[in-house]
């Protein structure tokens, strides 16, 4: 029989490198995952290096992969399925998969034989990065908004104007003293608005009034705006130097340096008041 070792090594290498890349984007260390999941750091490192000879039985390894994915905020079942696809071909792992899925089946005496499922490369839809799908949906939504705005402006331009038939009249001077225009009303603070502008790749997990509003990686150039009545809680922001934040139009100072992970920050009305006081002249002589 031909040796399937090189193909399995390549598939496993791709799987481990993808997990490592997702972890590094979020700015999370292996020690942090090991402390939280109680999984030996040696096993986590072996998963990323695809050193399946160091790992325990495959049934335990799949449990490690599931906990690893959950801590990173990924779909645990999807990552385990991708591990199973990548592990096909290794005798030890393949036998374990067959034992897990073993069910009694009737003996077929007549009729054509059923072809065995193909092994190796997973289907194309299993290899598509979900971040690419999200990006395509965002681009499609932006294109729809731009087209709608263009059509609306065009309709307004083509509509017959009423002012074209009116003869312009010279303005009449008012003998009364000119009144100073009223100052613009202050912004409505009944609702808190958090504006996010990504200048680089940054992972963020934020709640508004106790409900999660974003838990994903923002790419450079992407923007988000969220509203809350009570306040926003930042559970974590990775690479905070690549994010510009504003609360009700007031810029929030940078939360940390590049590559750092910031956790447990609260943006409420008291925080907004402090921001505005800091911007008032004379506060910082």
Protein backbone atom coordinates (compact mmCIF):
# COMPACT_ATOMS: atom_id res chain seq x y z
CA UNK A 1 0.00 0.00 0.00
CA UNK A 2 1.27 3.53 -0.71
CA UNK A 3 2.53 5.53 2.21
CA UNK A 4 0.08 8.29 3.25
CA UNK A 5 2.46 9.86 5.77
CA UNK A 6 3.48 13.01 3.76
CA UNK A 7 -0.15 13.90 2.97
CA UNK A 8 -1.19 13.56 6.64
CA UNK A 9 1.75 15.65 7.83
CA UNK A 10 0.84 18.46 5.44
CA UNK A 11 -2.82 18.45 6.52
CA UNK A 12 -1.89 18.44 10.21
CA UNK A 13 0.68 21.19 9.67
CA UNK A 14 -2.01 23.39 8.10
CA UNK A 15 -4.41 22.69 11.01
CA UNK A 16 -1.86 23.50 13.73
CA UNK A 17 -0.61 26.65 11.99
CA UNK A 18 -4.17 27.98 11.63
CA UNK A 19 -4.84 27.47 15.36
CA UNK A 20 -1.59 29.23 16.26
CA UNK A 21 -2.41 32.13 13.92
CA UNK A 22 -5.89 32.60 15.50
CA UNK A 23 -4.31 32.61 18.97
CA UNK A 24 -1.62 35.15 18.07
CA UNK A 25 -4.19 37.49 16.46
CA UNK A 26 -6.01 37.61 19.79
CA UNK A 27 -2.78 38.21 21.72
CA UNK A 28 -3.29 35.13 23.93
CA UNK A 29 -0.38 33.02 25.21
CA UNK A 30 -0.27 29.24 25.60
CA UNK A 31 0.27 29.69 29.35
CA UNK A 32 -2.98 31.64 29.61
CA UNK A 33 -4.91 28.86 27.84
CA UNK A 34 -3.21 26.18 29.95
CA UNK A 35 -4.07 27.99 33.21
CA UNK A 36 -7.71 28.48 32.19
CA UNK A 37 -8.39 25.01 30.72
CA UNK A 38 -6.08 22.97 33.03
CA UNK A 39 -4.55 21.35 29.92
CA UNK A 40 -0.79 20.76 29.98
CA UNK A 41 1.08 23.40 28.02
CA UNK A 42 3.15 20.58 26.52
CA UNK A 43 0.02 19.15 24.87
CA UNK A 44 -1.13 22.58 23.64
CA UNK A 45 2.27 23.19 22.10
CA UNK A 46 2.18 19.73 20.50
CA UNK A 47 -1.21 20.54 18.91
CA UNK A 48 0.17 23.73 17.33
CA UNK A 49 3.35 21.92 16.18
CA UNK A 50 1.24 18.96 14.92
CA UNK A 51 3.38 16.62 17.03
CA UNK A 52 0.60 14.03 17.33
CA UNK A 53 3.09 11.44 18.60
CA UNK A 54 3.46 13.44 21.82
CA UNK A 55 -0.32 13.76 22.27
CA UNK A 56 -2.39 11.19 24.21
CA UNK A 57 -5.13 9.02 22.72
CA UNK A 58 -7.11 10.81 19.96
CA UNK A 59 -10.31 10.84 22.03
CA UNK A 60 -8.48 12.98 24.63
CA UNK A 61 -6.78 15.10 21.95
CA UNK A 62 -10.15 16.03 20.47
CA UNK A 63 -11.23 17.17 23.93
CA UNK A 64 -8.09 19.36 24.16
CA UNK A 65 -8.82 20.86 20.72
CA UNK A 66 -12.44 21.58 21.74
CA UNK A 67 -11.40 23.45 24.92
CA UNK A 68 -8.66 25.33 23.01
CA UNK A 69 -11.22 26.52 20.41
CA UNK A 70 -13.77 27.57 23.05
CA UNK A 71 -11.21 29.71 24.88
CA UNK A 72 -10.34 31.52 21.62
CA UNK A 73 -14.04 32.16 20.90
CA UNK A 74 -14.10 29.81 17.87
CA UNK A 75 -16.73 27.23 16.96
CA UNK A 76 -15.62 24.18 18.95
CA UNK A 77 -17.46 21.63 16.79
CA UNK A 78 -16.14 23.16 13.56
CA UNK A 79 -12.53 23.08 14.82
CA UNK A 80 -12.87 19.46 16.01
CA UNK A 81 -14.28 18.47 12.61
CA UNK A 82 -11.34 20.17 10.91
CA UNK A 83 -8.98 18.28 13.21
CA UNK A 84 -10.70 15.01 12.21
CA UNK A 85 -10.30 15.91 8.52
CA UNK A 86 -6.63 16.78 9.05
CA UNK A 87 -5.98 13.59 11.07
CA UNK A 88 -7.34 11.17 8.45
CA UNK A 89 -4.48 8.93 7.31
CA UNK A 90 -2.69 8.51 10.64
CA UNK A 91 -3.25 4.90 11.68
CA UNK A 92 -3.66 5.59 15.39
CA UNK A 93 -6.10 8.51 14.93
CA UNK A 94 -7.99 6.89 12.04
CA UNK A 95 -8.66 3.73 14.07
CA UNK A 96 -10.00 5.86 16.93
CA UNK A 97 -12.35 7.71 14.58
CA UNK A 98 -13.64 4.37 13.21
CA UNK A 99 -14.26 3.04 16.72
CA UNK A 100 -16.18 6.21 17.68
CA UNK A 101 -18.45 5.93 14.67
CA UNK A 102 -18.88 2.12 14.70
CA UNK A 103 -22.57 1.14 14.50
CA UNK A 104 -24.21 -2.20 13.53
CA UNK A 105 -25.25 -2.35 9.90
CA UNK A 106 -27.21 -5.00 7.97
CA UNK A 107 -25.30 -7.42 5.74
CA UNK A 108 -25.97 -6.68 2.08
CA UNK A 109 -26.17 -9.83 -0.01
CA UNK A 110 -27.57 -8.35 -3.23
CA UNK A 111 -27.24 -5.08 -5.08
CA UNK A 112 -24.26 -2.91 -5.97
CA UNK A 113 -21.61 -2.24 -3.35
CA UNK A 114 -21.50 1.20 -1.74
CA UNK A 115 -18.24 3.04 -2.50
CA UNK A 116 -16.10 3.86 0.53
CA UNK A 117 -15.91 7.56 1.48
CA UNK A 118 -12.91 9.39 0.09
CA UNK A 119 -10.15 10.40 2.48
CA UNK A 120 -7.74 13.27 2.36
CA UNK A 121 -8.61 16.85 1.45
CA UNK A 122 -11.87 18.15 3.04
CA UNK A 123 -14.61 19.66 0.81
CA UNK A 124 -14.13 23.21 -0.44
CA UNK A 125 -16.73 24.72 1.90
CA UNK A 126 -14.87 23.32 4.94
CA UNK A 127 -11.65 25.08 3.86
CA UNK A 128 -13.13 28.58 3.48
CA UNK A 129 -12.11 30.94 6.26
CA UNK A 130 -15.26 32.31 7.90
CA UNK A 131 -13.58 35.71 8.14
CA UNK A 132 -13.58 35.81 4.34
CA UNK A 133 -17.33 35.12 4.31
CA UNK A 134 -17.96 37.92 6.82
CA UNK A 135 -15.84 40.31 4.74
CA UNK A 136 -17.79 39.46 1.56
CA UNK A 137 -21.11 40.10 3.35
CA UNK A 138 -19.86 43.47 4.65
CA UNK A 139 -18.69 44.52 1.17
CA UNK A 140 -22.05 43.51 -0.33
CA UNK A 141 -23.93 45.50 2.33
CA UNK A 142 -21.77 48.59 1.75
CA UNK A 143 -22.29 48.31 -2.01
CA UNK A 144 -26.08 48.18 -1.49
CA UNK A 145 -26.00 51.30 0.72
CA UNK A 146 -23.87 53.23 -1.79
CA UNK A 147 -26.20 52.26 -4.66
CA UNK A 148 -29.29 53.29 -2.68
CA UNK A 149 -27.73 56.66 -1.79
CA UNK A 150 -26.76 57.25 -5.42
CA UNK A 151 -30.27 56.50 -6.69
CA UNK A 152 -31.85 58.76 -4.09
CA UNK A 153 -29.57 61.67 -4.96
CA UNK A 154 -30.24 61.14 -8.65
CA UNK A 155 -34.02 61.19 -8.13
CA UNK A 156 -33.79 64.40 -6.13
CA UNK A 157 -31.71 66.03 -8.86
CA UNK A 158 -34.14 65.06 -11.63
CA UNK A 159 -37.28 66.19 -9.72
CA UNK A 160 -38.78 69.49 -11.08
CA UNK A 161 -37.84 72.44 -8.91
CA UNK A 162 -40.41 74.93 -7.68
CA UNK A 163 -37.96 77.74 -7.18
CA UNK A 164 -37.08 77.96 -10.89
CA UNK A 165 -40.27 79.88 -11.71
CA UNK A 166 -39.94 82.40 -8.89
CA UNK A 167 -38.23 85.71 -9.61
CA UNK A 168 -35.51 86.35 -7.08
CA UNK A 169 -36.20 89.33 -4.80
CA UNK A 170 -33.46 91.51 -3.40
CA UNK A 171 -33.17 91.16 0.35
CA UNK A 172 -34.69 93.96 2.41
CA UNK A 173 -32.55 95.28 5.21
CA UNK A 174 -34.07 94.90 8.65
CA UNK A 175 -33.79 98.07 10.77
CA UNK A 176 -33.90 96.00 13.93
CA UNK A 177 -30.59 95.00 15.49
CA UNK A 178 -29.18 91.71 14.36
CA UNK A 179 -29.72 88.92 16.86
CA UNK A 180 -26.95 86.49 17.63
CA UNK A 181 -27.69 82.95 16.47
CA UNK A 182 -28.54 80.59 19.29
CA UNK A 183 -25.81 78.20 20.34
CA UNK A 184 -26.31 74.62 19.16
CA UNK A 185 -27.99 72.34 21.64
CA UNK A 186 -25.69 70.00 23.52
CA UNK A 187 -25.64 66.39 22.30
CA UNK A 188 -28.27 64.07 23.68
CA UNK A 189 -26.72 62.04 26.51
CA UNK A 190 -29.77 59.87 27.09
CA UNK A 191 -28.07 57.31 24.88
CA UNK A 192 -24.39 56.39 25.03
CA UNK A 193 -22.75 55.86 21.64
CA UNK A 194 -19.45 53.99 21.26
CA UNK A 195 -17.63 54.53 17.96
CA UNK A 196 -14.85 52.09 17.00
CA UNK A 197 -12.34 52.71 14.19
CA UNK A 198 -9.75 49.99 13.48
CA UNK A 199 -6.39 51.15 12.10
CA UNK A 200 -5.00 47.62 12.29
CA UNK A 201 -6.11 44.09 13.16
CA UNK A 202 -7.59 43.93 16.66
CA UNK A 203 -9.62 41.33 18.56
CA UNK A 204 -12.38 42.73 20.76
CA UNK A 205 -15.17 41.41 23.00
CA UNK A 206 -17.58 44.18 24.17
CA UNK A 207 -20.98 44.18 25.94
CA UNK A 208 -23.66 46.92 25.90
CA UNK A 209 -26.02 47.00 28.90
CA UNK A 210 -24.88 43.45 29.74
CA UNK A 211 -25.47 42.02 26.26
CA UNK A 212 -22.66 41.08 23.88
CA UNK A 213 -22.54 43.33 20.80
CA UNK A 214 -19.22 42.32 19.24
CA UNK A 215 -16.85 39.38 19.61
CA UNK A 216 -14.63 39.22 16.55
CA UNK A 217 -11.45 40.46 14.88
CA UNK A 218 -11.75 43.92 13.27
CA UNK A 219 -9.50 44.46 10.26
CA UNK A 220 -7.77 47.73 9.40
CA UNK A 221 -10.27 50.25 7.98
CA UNK A 222 -13.39 48.70 9.56
CA UNK A 223 -15.70 50.81 11.75
CA UNK A 224 -18.45 49.93 14.24
CA UNK A 225 -20.95 52.04 16.24
CA UNK A 226 -23.00 50.72 19.16
CA UNK A 227 -25.56 52.31 21.55
CA UNK A 228 -26.34 51.65 25.21
CA UNK A 229 -28.50 53.16 27.95
CA UNK A 230 -26.29 52.37 30.95
CA UNK A 231 -22.81 51.75 29.59
CA UNK A 232 -20.35 49.51 27.76
CA UNK A 233 -18.12 46.85 29.30
CA UNK A 234 -14.90 45.91 27.50
CA UNK A 235 -14.20 42.25 28.37
CA UNK A 236 -11.04 42.23 26.24
CA UNK A 237 -9.31 44.16 23.44
CA UNK A 238 -6.22 42.71 21.76
CA UNK A 239 -3.71 45.10 20.16
CA UNK A 240 -5.47 48.24 21.56
CA UNK A 241 -2.99 50.59 19.88
CA UNK A 242 -4.67 49.74 16.55
CA UNK A 243 -8.12 50.98 17.69
CA UNK A 244 -9.54 54.53 17.98
CA UNK A 245 -12.52 54.82 20.37
CA UNK A 246 -15.03 57.66 20.89
CA UNK A 247 -17.80 57.90 23.49
CA UNK A 248 -20.56 60.29 22.38
CA UNK A 249 -18.07 61.96 20.05
CA UNK A 250 -15.39 62.43 22.74
CA UNK A 251 -12.11 60.60 21.94
CA UNK A 252 -11.03 57.97 24.46
CA UNK A 253 -7.26 57.86 25.13
CA UNK A 254 -5.43 54.78 23.81
CA UNK A 255 -6.03 51.87 26.19
CA UNK A 256 -2.67 50.16 25.70
CA UNK A 257 0.29 49.46 23.49
CA UNK A 258 0.61 47.28 20.40
CA UNK A 259 0.30 43.54 21.07
CA UNK A 260 -1.09 44.07 24.59
CA UNK A 261 -4.44 42.61 25.79
CA UNK A 262 -6.66 45.00 27.79
CA UNK A 263 -9.47 43.57 29.95
CA UNK A 264 -12.35 44.74 32.17
CA UNK A 265 -12.86 48.40 31.22
CA UNK A 266 -16.17 50.24 31.87
CA UNK A 267 -17.43 53.13 29.72
CA UNK A 268 -20.47 54.67 31.44
CA UNK A 269 -21.84 58.19 32.05
CA UNK A 270 -19.35 58.88 34.84
CA UNK A 271 -16.54 57.93 32.47
CA UNK A 272 -18.02 60.30 29.82
CA UNK A 273 -18.16 63.16 32.35
CA UNK A 274 -14.49 62.64 33.21
CA UNK A 275 -13.58 62.65 29.51
CA UNK A 276 -15.33 65.98 28.98
CA UNK A 277 -13.74 67.52 32.06
CA UNK A 278 -10.34 66.47 30.79
CA UNK A 279 -11.04 68.28 27.50
CA UNK A 280 -12.14 71.55 29.16
CA UNK A 281 -9.49 74.33 29.01
CA UNK A 282 -7.68 74.92 32.26
CA UNK A 283 -8.22 71.40 33.59
CA UNK A 284 -4.59 70.45 32.92
CA UNK A 285 -2.43 73.58 33.33
